[in-house]
Structures are given as C-alpha cells and as structure tokens.
Amino acid sequence: MESWLFLALILVVALVGKNISLIIATGVVMLFKLLPFTSKWLPTIQAKGINWGVTVISVAILIPIATGQIGFKDLIKT
C-alpha cells in the first residue's frame, strides 16, 4: 500500500509541475502494478531500463543525420 501512496504522490507532483514524461512513466508503473503477470517484468525493466532509455534517446538524436537534416556541413560550422 505504501508504494501506491508514494507513486500517487509522485503523480501529483508531476501533474502540478506539468512534467509529461514523469506523468507517463508513473502511469505506466502504476498500470504494471495493477496487472498480475507483470510483476516478473519489473526487475528486468529496473535492471535494463536505463540502457533501453539511452538507446531510444540515441536513436532520436541520430534521426536528423539519417534524414539529411544534419550533415558534415553543419558539423564543420559547429
């Protein structure tokens, strides 16, 4: 029960601060807690989540290079 209260408090703070990423993250974790079969996934997500997140952010950063929005010309200017 304490974990639900803690997550609810984090959700309230995220809502007040209008932090969409934290709102989504808290909502997903609360949803995972509601579903009985996901309790086995939580340790895996905890262990690997940072690496997955860094990978997603890296992909987002590399997309402008792949689409041609950023090229060597821009790199030289920088």
C-alpha atoms as a PDB file:
ATOM      1  CA  MET A   1       0.000   0.000   0.000  1.00  0.00           C
ATOM      2  CA  GLU A   2       2.871   2.350   0.778  1.00  0.00           C
ATOM      3  CA  SER A   3       4.198   2.025  -2.778  1.00  0.00           C
ATOM      4  CA  TRP A   4       0.799   3.092  -4.183  1.00  0.00           C
ATOM      5  CA  LEU A   5       0.783   6.188  -1.974  1.00  0.00           C
ATOM      6  CA  PHE A   6       4.338   7.028  -2.981  1.00  0.00           C
ATOM      7  CA  LEU A   7       3.507   6.619  -6.688  1.00  0.00           C
ATOM      8  CA  ALA A   8       0.354   8.709  -6.255  1.00  0.00           C
ATOM      9  CA  LEU A   9       2.394  11.470  -4.623  1.00  0.00           C
ATOM     10  CA  ILE A  10       4.878  11.392  -7.493  1.00  0.00           C
ATOM     11  CA  LEU A  11       1.984  11.558  -9.951  1.00  0.00           C
ATOM     12  CA  VAL A  12       0.516  14.588  -8.175  1.00  0.00           C
ATOM     13  CA  VAL A  13       3.887  16.362  -8.193  1.00  0.00           C
ATOM     14  CA  ALA A  14       4.280  15.539 -11.906  1.00  0.00           C
ATOM     15  CA  LEU A  15       0.806  16.882 -12.649  1.00  0.00           C
ATOM     16  CA  VAL A  16       1.424  20.099 -10.709  1.00  0.00           C
ATOM     17  CA  GLY A  17       4.794  20.509 -12.414  1.00  0.00           C
ATOM     18  CA  LYS A  18       3.292  19.607 -15.813  1.00  0.00           C
ATOM     19  CA  ASN A  19       6.071  17.059 -16.387  1.00  0.00           C
ATOM     20  CA  ILE A  20       4.583  14.894 -19.126  1.00  0.00           C
ATOM     21  CA  SER A  21       7.431  12.363 -19.116  1.00  0.00           C
ATOM     22  CA  LEU A  22       7.060  11.738 -15.393  1.00  0.00           C
ATOM     23  CA  ILE A  23       3.263  11.560 -15.690  1.00  0.00           C
ATOM     24  CA  ILE A  24       3.561   8.881 -18.383  1.00  0.00           C
ATOM     25  CA  ALA A  25       6.266   6.981 -16.502  1.00  0.00           C
ATOM     26  CA  THR A  26       4.292   6.966 -13.262  1.00  0.00           C
ATOM     27  CA  GLY A  27       1.134   5.926 -15.073  1.00  0.00           C
ATOM     28  CA  VAL A  28       2.936   3.043 -16.778  1.00  0.00           C
ATOM     29  CA  VAL A  29       4.429   1.832 -13.497  1.00  0.00           C
ATOM     30  CA  MET A  30       1.021   2.046 -11.802  1.00  0.00           C
ATOM     31  CA  LEU A  31      -0.507   0.101 -14.688  1.00  0.00           C
ATOM     32  CA  PHE A  32       2.218  -2.541 -14.373  1.00  0.00           C
ATOM     33  CA  LYS A  33       1.442  -2.838 -10.662  1.00  0.00           C
ATOM     34  CA  LEU A  34      -2.239  -3.427 -11.456  1.00  0.00           C
ATOM     35  CA  LEU A  35      -1.574  -6.282 -13.852  1.00  0.00           C
ATOM     36  CA  PRO A  36      -0.684  -9.504 -12.025  1.00  0.00           C
ATOM     37  CA  PHE A  37       1.558 -11.048 -14.691  1.00  0.00           C
ATOM     38  CA  THR A  38       3.866  -8.031 -14.964  1.00  0.00           C
ATOM     39  CA  SER A  39       5.400  -8.478 -11.509  1.00  0.00           C
ATOM     40  CA  LYS A  40       8.058 -10.688 -13.130  1.00  0.00           C
ATOM     41  CA  TRP A  41       8.870  -7.949 -15.667  1.00  0.00           C
ATOM     42  CA  LEU A  42       9.531  -5.210 -13.129  1.00  0.00           C
ATOM     43  CA  PRO A  43      13.011  -6.448 -12.068  1.00  0.00           C
ATOM     44  CA  THR A  44      14.019  -6.773 -15.727  1.00  0.00           C
ATOM     45  CA  ILE A  45      12.769  -3.277 -16.508  1.00  0.00           C
ATOM     46  CA  GLN A  46      14.590  -1.973 -13.444  1.00  0.00           C
ATOM     47  CA  ALA A  47      17.834  -3.663 -14.478  1.00  0.00           C
ATOM     48  CA  LYS A  48      17.737  -2.855 -18.188  1.00  0.00           C
ATOM     49  CA  GLY A  49      15.584   0.273 -18.335  1.00  0.00           C
ATOM     50  CA  ILE A  50      18.421   2.801 -18.306  1.00  0.00           C
ATOM     51  CA  ASN A  51      20.153   1.073 -21.219  1.00  0.00           C
ATOM     52  CA  TRP A  52      16.895   0.921 -23.187  1.00  0.00           C
ATOM     53  CA  GLY A  53      16.258   4.596 -22.480  1.00  0.00           C
ATOM     54  CA  VAL A  54      19.733   5.652 -23.584  1.00  0.00           C
ATOM     55  CA  THR A  55      19.259   3.635 -26.761  1.00  0.00           C
ATOM     56  CA  VAL A  56      15.937   5.334 -27.542  1.00  0.00           C
ATOM     57  CA  ILE A  57      17.437   8.775 -26.899  1.00  0.00           C
ATOM     58  CA  SER A  58      20.438   7.928 -29.110  1.00  0.00           C
ATOM     59  CA  VAL A  59      18.115   6.868 -31.919  1.00  0.00           C
ATOM     60  CA  ALA A  60      16.180  10.135 -31.588  1.00  0.00           C
ATOM     61  CA  ILE A  61      19.419  12.108 -31.785  1.00  0.00           C
ATOM     62  CA  LEU A  62      20.641  10.215 -34.867  1.00  0.00           C
ATOM     63  CA  ILE A  63      17.380  10.561 -36.853  1.00  0.00           C
ATOM     64  CA  PRO A  64      18.238  14.074 -38.179  1.00  0.00           C
ATOM     65  CA  ILE A  65      21.524  12.688 -39.508  1.00  0.00           C
ATOM     66  CA  ALA A  66      19.703   9.797 -41.190  1.00  0.00           C
ATOM     67  CA  THR A  67      17.120  12.119 -42.774  1.00  0.00           C
ATOM     68  CA  GLY A  68      19.770  14.533 -44.019  1.00  0.00           C
ATOM     69  CA  GLN A  69      18.688  17.438 -41.822  1.00  0.00           C
ATOM     70  CA  ILE A  70      22.193  17.475 -40.321  1.00  0.00           C
ATOM     71  CA  GLY A  71      25.259  16.822 -42.446  1.00  0.00           C
ATOM     72  CA  PHE A  72      29.002  17.329 -42.494  1.00  0.00           C
ATOM     73  CA  LYS A  73      28.462  20.973 -43.470  1.00  0.00           C
ATOM     74  CA  ASP A  74      26.594  21.551 -40.192  1.00  0.00           C
ATOM     75  CA  LEU A  75      29.250  19.658 -38.261  1.00  0.00           C
ATOM     76  CA  ILE A  76      32.007  21.859 -39.696  1.00  0.00           C
ATOM     77  CA  LYS A  77      30.032  25.014 -38.836  1.00  0.00           C
ATOM     78  CA  THR A  78      29.738  23.831 -35.266  1.00  0.00           C
END
